[in-house]
PDB file of N, CA and C in Angstrom:
ATOM      1  N   MET A   1       0.482  -1.518  -0.129  1.00  0.00           N
ATOM      2  CA  MET A   1      -0.245   0.342  -0.095  1.00  0.00           C
ATOM      3  C   MET A   1       1.018   1.407  -0.228  1.00  0.00           C
ATOM      4  N   ALA A   2       2.192   1.455   0.765  1.00  0.00           N
ATOM      5  CA  ALA A   2       3.200   2.490   0.586  1.00  0.00           C
ATOM      6  C   ALA A   2       3.615   2.673  -0.201  1.00  0.00           C
ATOM      7  N   ARG A   3       4.135   1.341  -1.087  1.00  0.00           N
ATOM      8  CA  ARG A   3       4.953   1.137  -2.239  1.00  0.00           C
ATOM      9  C   ARG A   3       4.022   2.044  -3.261  1.00  0.00           C
ATOM     10  N   LYS A   4       2.733   1.710  -3.436  1.00  0.00           N
ATOM     11  CA  LYS A   4       1.668   1.785  -4.431  1.00  0.00           C
ATOM     12  C   LYS A   4       2.027   3.502  -4.332  1.00  0.00           C
ATOM     13  N   ALA A   5       2.159   4.295  -3.136  1.00  0.00           N
ATOM     14  CA  ALA A   5       1.812   6.266  -2.967  1.00  0.00           C
ATOM     15  C   ALA A   5       3.639   6.532  -2.837  1.00  0.00           C
ATOM     16  N   ALA A   6       4.728   5.645  -3.947  1.00  0.00           N
ATOM     17  CA  ALA A   6       6.062   5.840  -3.306  1.00  0.00           C
ATOM     18  C   ALA A   6       6.618   5.961  -2.389  1.00  0.00           C
ATOM     19  N   TYR A   7       6.184   5.177  -1.394  1.00  0.00           N
ATOM     20  CA  TYR A   7       7.299   5.402  -0.330  1.00  0.00           C
ATOM     21  C   TYR A   7       7.530   4.046  -0.057  1.00  0.00           C
ATOM     22  N   HIS A   8       9.079   4.230   0.251  1.00  0.00           N
ATOM     23  CA  HIS A   8       9.797   2.729   0.091  1.00  0.00           C
ATOM     24  C   HIS A   8       9.472   2.363   2.019  1.00  0.00           C
ATOM     25  N   ASP A   9       9.430   1.881   2.364  1.00  0.00           N
ATOM     26  CA  ASP A   9       8.979   0.779   3.367  1.00  0.00           C
ATOM     27  C   ASP A   9       7.772   1.801   4.556  1.00  0.00           C
ATOM     28  N   VAL A  10       7.626   0.776   5.850  1.00  0.00           N
ATOM     29  CA  VAL A  10       6.815   1.386   7.057  1.00  0.00           C
ATOM     30  C   VAL A  10       7.041   1.377   8.276  1.00  0.00           C
ATOM     31  N   LYS A  11       7.030   2.083   8.892  1.00  0.00           N
ATOM     32  CA  LYS A  11       7.526   1.891  10.672  1.00  0.00           C
ATOM     33  C   LYS A  11       6.399   1.718  11.407  1.00  0.00           C
ATOM     34  N   ARG A  12       6.010   0.668  11.773  1.00  0.00           N
ATOM     35  CA  ARG A  12       5.215   0.785  12.931  1.00  0.00           C
ATOM     36  C   ARG A  12       5.177   1.710  14.320  1.00  0.00           C
ATOM     37  N   ILE A  13       4.227   2.893  14.972  1.00  0.00           N
ATOM     38  CA  ILE A  13       4.640   3.716  15.553  1.00  0.00           C
ATOM     39  C   ILE A  13       3.297   3.486  16.951  1.00  0.00           C
ATOM     40  N   GLY A  14       3.266   2.588  16.658  1.00  0.00           N
ATOM     41  CA  GLY A  14       1.505   2.522  18.502  1.00  0.00           C
ATOM     42  C   GLY A  14       0.654   2.386  17.388  1.00  0.00           C
ATOM     43  N   LYS A  15      -0.589   2.311  18.421  1.00  0.00           N
ATOM     44  CA  LYS A  15      -1.945   2.165  18.962  1.00  0.00           C
ATOM     45  C   LYS A  15      -2.500   3.330  19.282  1.00  0.00           C
ATOM     46  N   ILE A  16      -3.234   3.552  17.875  1.00  0.00           N
ATOM     47  CA  ILE A  16      -4.215   4.446  18.803  1.00  0.00           C
ATOM     48  C   ILE A  16      -6.016   4.414  18.143  1.00  0.00           C
ATOM     49  N   ASN A  17      -7.178   4.383  19.071  1.00  0.00           N
ATOM     50  CA  ASN A  17      -8.638   4.164  18.946  1.00  0.00           C
ATOM     51  C   ASN A  17      -8.314   2.913  18.330  1.00  0.00           C
ATOM     52  N   GLY A  18      -7.985   1.935  18.830  1.00  0.00           N
ATOM     53  CA  GLY A  18      -7.987   0.411  18.300  1.00  0.00           C
ATOM     54  C   GLY A  18      -7.084   0.063  17.279  1.00  0.00           C
ATOM     55  N   HIS A  19      -6.389   1.065  16.835  1.00  0.00           N
ATOM     56  CA  HIS A  19      -5.415   0.473  15.286  1.00  0.00           C
ATOM     57  C   HIS A  19      -4.390   0.449  15.586  1.00  0.00           C
ATOM     58  N   VAL A  20      -3.899  -0.265  15.220  1.00  0.00           N
ATOM     59  CA  VAL A  20      -2.121  -0.353  14.493  1.00  0.00           C
ATOM     60  C   VAL A  20      -1.410   1.038  13.742  1.00  0.00           C
ATOM     61  N   VAL A  21      -0.702   2.296  14.117  1.00  0.00           N
ATOM     62  CA  VAL A  21      -0.812   2.941  13.154  1.00  0.00           C
ATOM     63  C   VAL A  21       0.838   2.597  12.764  1.00  0.00           C
ATOM     64  N   LEU A  22       1.013   2.704  11.306  1.00  0.00           N
ATOM     65  CA  LEU A  22       2.247   2.320  10.726  1.00  0.00           C
ATOM     66  C   LEU A  22       2.345   4.407   9.626  1.00  0.00           C
ATOM     67  N   GLU A  23       3.607   3.814   9.879  1.00  0.00           N
ATOM     68  CA  GLU A  23       4.004   5.337   8.913  1.00  0.00           C
ATOM     69  C   GLU A  23       4.447   5.386   8.224  1.00  0.00           C
ATOM     70  N   PRO A  24       4.134   5.695   7.253  1.00  0.00           N
ATOM     71  CA  PRO A  24       4.724   5.862   5.480  1.00  0.00           C
ATOM     72  C   PRO A  24       6.101   6.359   5.256  1.00  0.00           C
ATOM     73  N   ILE A  25       7.638   6.176   5.235  1.00  0.00           N
ATOM     74  CA  ILE A  25       8.901   6.190   4.929  1.00  0.00           C
ATOM     75  C   ILE A  25       9.435   6.503   4.051  1.00  0.00           C
ATOM     76  N   PHE A  26      10.008   7.087   3.578  1.00  0.00           N
ATOM     77  CA  PHE A  26      10.969   7.436   2.818  1.00  0.00           C
ATOM     78  C   PHE A  26      12.516   6.630   3.432  1.00  0.00           C
ATOM     79  N   THR A  27      13.844   5.731   2.499  1.00  0.00           N
ATOM     80  CA  THR A  27      14.785   5.503   3.352  1.00  0.00           C
ATOM     81  C   THR A  27      16.060   5.391   2.200  1.00  0.00           C
ATOM     82  N   ASP A  28      15.953   6.562   1.845  1.00  0.00           N
ATOM     83  CA  ASP A  28      16.569   7.073   0.228  1.00  0.00           C
ATOM     84  C   ASP A  28      17.687   8.117   1.108  1.00  0.00           C
ATOM     85  N   GLY A  29      17.390   8.782   2.378  1.00  0.00           N
ATOM     86  CA  GLY A  29      17.844  10.150   3.329  1.00  0.00           C
ATOM     87  C   GLY A  29      17.850  11.240   2.495  1.00  0.00           C
ATOM     88  N   GLU A  30      16.865  11.008   1.102  1.00  0.00           N
ATOM     89  CA  GLU A  30      16.578  12.406   0.652  1.00  0.00           C
ATOM     90  C   GLU A  30      15.314  13.803   1.638  1.00  0.00           C
ATOM     91  N   THR A  31      15.168  14.710   1.186  1.00  0.00           N
ATOM     92  CA  THR A  31      14.573  15.073   2.054  1.00  0.00           C
ATOM     93  C   THR A  31      12.697  15.500   0.763  1.00  0.00           C
ATOM     94  N   HIS A  32      11.979  15.176   1.206  1.00  0.00           N
ATOM     95  CA  HIS A  32      10.551  14.774   0.031  1.00  0.00           C
ATOM     96  C   HIS A  32       9.173  15.360   1.303  1.00  0.00           C
ATOM     97  N   VAL A  33       9.090  16.228   0.323  1.00  0.00           N
ATOM     98  CA  VAL A  33       7.712  17.173   0.631  1.00  0.00           C
ATOM     99  C   VAL A  33       6.605  16.543   0.253  1.00  0.00           C
ATOM    100  N   ILE A  34       5.436  16.159   1.063  1.00  0.00           N
ATOM    101  CA  ILE A  34       4.056  15.500   0.673  1.00  0.00           C
ATOM    102  C   ILE A  34       3.595  15.956   1.215  1.00  0.00           C
ATOM    103  N   GLY A  35       2.654  17.078   1.784  1.00  0.00           N
ATOM    104  CA  GLY A  35       2.264  18.298   2.658  1.00  0.00           C
ATOM    105  C   GLY A  35       1.833  17.536   4.032  1.00  0.00           C
ATOM    106  N   ILE A  36       0.656  17.283   4.027  1.00  0.00           N
ATOM    107  CA  ILE A  36       0.075  16.888   5.479  1.00  0.00           C
ATOM    108  C   ILE A  36       0.648  15.406   5.500  1.00  0.00           C
ATOM    109  N   PRO A  37       1.061  14.887   6.750  1.00  0.00           N
ATOM    110  CA  PRO A  37       1.715  13.944   6.579  1.00  0.00           C
ATOM    111  C   PRO A  37       0.484  12.714   6.885  1.00  0.00           C
ATOM    112  N   GLN A  38       0.529  11.617   6.165  1.00  0.00           N
ATOM    113  CA  GLN A  38      -0.456  10.131   6.014  1.00  0.00           C
ATOM    114  C   GLN A  38      -0.011   9.344   6.547  1.00  0.00           C
ATOM    115  N   PHE A  39      -1.103   8.473   7.729  1.00  0.00           N
ATOM    116  CA  PHE A  39      -0.526   6.824   8.527  1.00  0.00           C
ATOM    117  C   PHE A  39      -1.569   5.937   7.813  1.00  0.00           C
ATOM    118  N   ILE A  40      -0.783   4.894   7.968  1.00  0.00           N
ATOM    119  CA  ILE A  40      -1.788   4.142   7.404  1.00  0.00           C
ATOM    120  C   ILE A  40      -2.533   3.104   9.019  1.00  0.00           C
ATOM    121  N   LEU A  41      -3.727   2.936   8.626  1.00  0.00           N
ATOM    122  CA  LEU A  41      -3.767   2.239   9.560  1.00  0.00           C
ATOM    123  C   LEU A  41      -4.608   0.807  10.048  1.00  0.00           C
ATOM    124  N   TYR A  42      -4.863  -0.069  10.553  1.00  0.00           N
ATOM    125  CA  TYR A  42      -4.518  -1.099  10.475  1.00  0.00           C
ATOM    126  C   TYR A  42      -5.838  -1.747  11.478  1.00  0.00           C
ATOM    127  N   LYS A  43      -6.406  -2.521  11.247  1.00  0.00           N
ATOM    128  CA  LYS A  43      -7.515  -2.470  12.531  1.00  0.00           C
ATOM    129  C   LYS A  43      -8.397  -3.890  11.497  1.00  0.00           C
ATOM    130  N   ASP A  44      -8.594  -5.351  12.431  1.00  0.00           N
ATOM    131  CA  ASP A  44      -9.264  -6.405  12.208  1.00  0.00           C
ATOM    132  C   ASP A  44      -9.164  -6.440  10.639  1.00  0.00           C
ATOM    133  N   GLY A  45      -7.664  -7.098  10.434  1.00  0.00           N
ATOM    134  CA  GLY A  45      -7.186  -7.598   8.457  1.00  0.00           C
ATOM    135  C   GLY A  45      -7.210  -6.556   8.218  1.00  0.00           C
ATOM    136  N   LYS A  46      -7.596  -5.134   7.917  1.00  0.00           N
ATOM    137  CA  LYS A  46      -8.160  -4.359   7.601  1.00  0.00           C
ATOM    138  C   LYS A  46      -7.306  -2.621   7.285  1.00  0.00           C
ATOM    139  N   LEU A  47      -6.178  -2.661   6.082  1.00  0.00           N
ATOM    140  CA  LEU A  47      -5.480  -1.340   6.349  1.00  0.00           C
ATOM    141  C   LEU A  47      -6.917  -0.243   5.741  1.00  0.00           C
ATOM    142  N   ARG A  48      -5.880   1.479   6.116  1.00  0.00           N
ATOM    143  CA  ARG A  48      -6.716   2.185   5.335  1.00  0.00           C
ATOM    144  C   ARG A  48      -5.996   3.508   5.338  1.00  0.00           C
ATOM    145  N   TRP A  49      -5.765   4.579   4.511  1.00  0.00           N
ATOM    146  CA  TRP A  49      -5.106   5.941   4.725  1.00  0.00           C
ATOM    147  C   TRP A  49      -5.857   6.307   5.802  1.00  0.00           C
ATOM    148  N   THR A  50      -5.555   7.464   6.450  1.00  0.00           N
ATOM    149  CA  THR A  50      -5.901   8.223   7.255  1.00  0.00           C
ATOM    150  C   THR A  50      -6.534   8.836   6.377  1.00  0.00           C
ATOM    151  N   ASP A  51      -8.214   9.463   7.677  1.00  0.00           N
ATOM    152  CA  ASP A  51      -9.065   9.930   5.746  1.00  0.00           C
ATOM    153  C   ASP A  51      -9.583  11.252   6.365  1.00  0.00           C
ATOM    154  N   SER A  52      -8.418  12.576   6.981  1.00  0.00           N
ATOM    155  CA  SER A  52      -8.645  13.883   7.731  1.00  0.00           C
ATOM    156  C   SER A  52      -7.302  13.803   7.969  1.00  0.00           C
ATOM    157  N   MET A  53      -7.560  15.547   7.718  1.00  0.00           N
ATOM    158  CA  MET A  53      -6.605  16.572   8.776  1.00  0.00           C
ATOM    159  C   MET A  53      -6.543  15.847   9.821  1.00  0.00           C
ATOM    160  N   GLU A  54      -7.812  16.107  10.507  1.00  0.00           N
ATOM    161  CA  GLU A  54      -8.044  16.559  12.218  1.00  0.00           C
ATOM    162  C   GLU A  54      -7.141  14.543  12.510  1.00  0.00           C
ATOM    163  N   GLU A  55      -7.898  13.561  12.275  1.00  0.00           N
ATOM    164  CA  GLU A  55      -7.420  11.804  11.606  1.00  0.00           C
ATOM    165  C   GLU A  55      -5.609  12.258  12.139  1.00  0.00           C
ATOM    166  N   SER A  56      -5.121  12.554  10.491  1.00  0.00           N
ATOM    167  CA  SER A  56      -3.674  12.935  11.293  1.00  0.00           C
ATOM    168  C   SER A  56      -3.018  13.754  12.264  1.00  0.00           C
ATOM    169  N   PHE A  57      -3.682  14.989  12.180  1.00  0.00           N
ATOM    170  CA  PHE A  57      -2.845  15.465  13.894  1.00  0.00           C
ATOM    171  C   PHE A  57      -3.537  14.988  15.026  1.00  0.00           C
ATOM    172  N   GLU A  58      -4.302  13.472  15.265  1.00  0.00           N
ATOM    173  CA  GLU A  58      -4.679  13.388  16.481  1.00  0.00           C
ATOM    174  C   GLU A  58      -3.206  12.645  16.274  1.00  0.00           C
ATOM    175  N   ILE A  59      -2.784  11.683  15.671  1.00  0.00           N
ATOM    176  CA  ILE A  59      -1.550  10.420  15.350  1.00  0.00           C
ATOM    177  C   ILE A  59      -0.732  11.547  15.925  1.00  0.00           C
ATOM    178  N   MET A  60      -0.064  12.686  14.638  1.00  0.00           N
ATOM    179  CA  MET A  60       0.995  13.186  15.415  1.00  0.00           C
ATOM    180  C   MET A  60       1.412  14.258  16.942  1.00  0.00           C
ATOM    181  N   ASP A  61       0.023  14.057  16.977  1.00  0.00           N
ATOM    182  CA  ASP A  61       0.113  14.913  18.486  1.00  0.00           C
ATOM    183  C   ASP A  61       0.754  14.014  20.108  1.00  0.00           C
ATOM    184  N   LYS A  62       0.104  13.268  19.842  1.00  0.00           N
ATOM    185  CA  LYS A  62       0.083  11.329  20.022  1.00  0.00           C
ATOM    186  C   LYS A  62       1.527  10.884  19.905  1.00  0.00           C
ATOM    187  N   PHE A  63       2.025  10.831  19.388  1.00  0.00           N
ATOM    188  CA  PHE A  63       3.008  10.413  18.769  1.00  0.00           C
ATOM    189  C   PHE A  63       4.664  10.787  18.625  1.00  0.00           C
ATOM    190  N   PHE A  64       4.694  12.424  18.179  1.00  0.00           N
ATOM    191  CA  PHE A  64       5.716  12.763  17.682  1.00  0.00           C
ATOM    192  C   PHE A  64       5.757  14.403  18.572  1.00  0.00           C
ATOM    193  N   LEU A  65       4.490  14.725  19.913  1.00  0.00           N
ATOM    194  CA  LEU A  65       4.955  15.991  20.193  1.00  0.00           C
ATOM    195  C   LEU A  65       5.143  15.429  21.975  1.00  0.00           C
TER     196      LEU A  65
END
């Protein structure tokens, strides 16, 4: 899923609201401008991208502040 969106890999960063949170990452050492960060959420055998800025910001607040 991340590779289809041009990312190189993912990193598991924790859990929020019952979802495992995966951070799509680049591994080439270059700076990539992507806009508002998106995360991949995993729950009940299903993957999905974050679906709003608010959801992305909630994840950033929990894991990166």
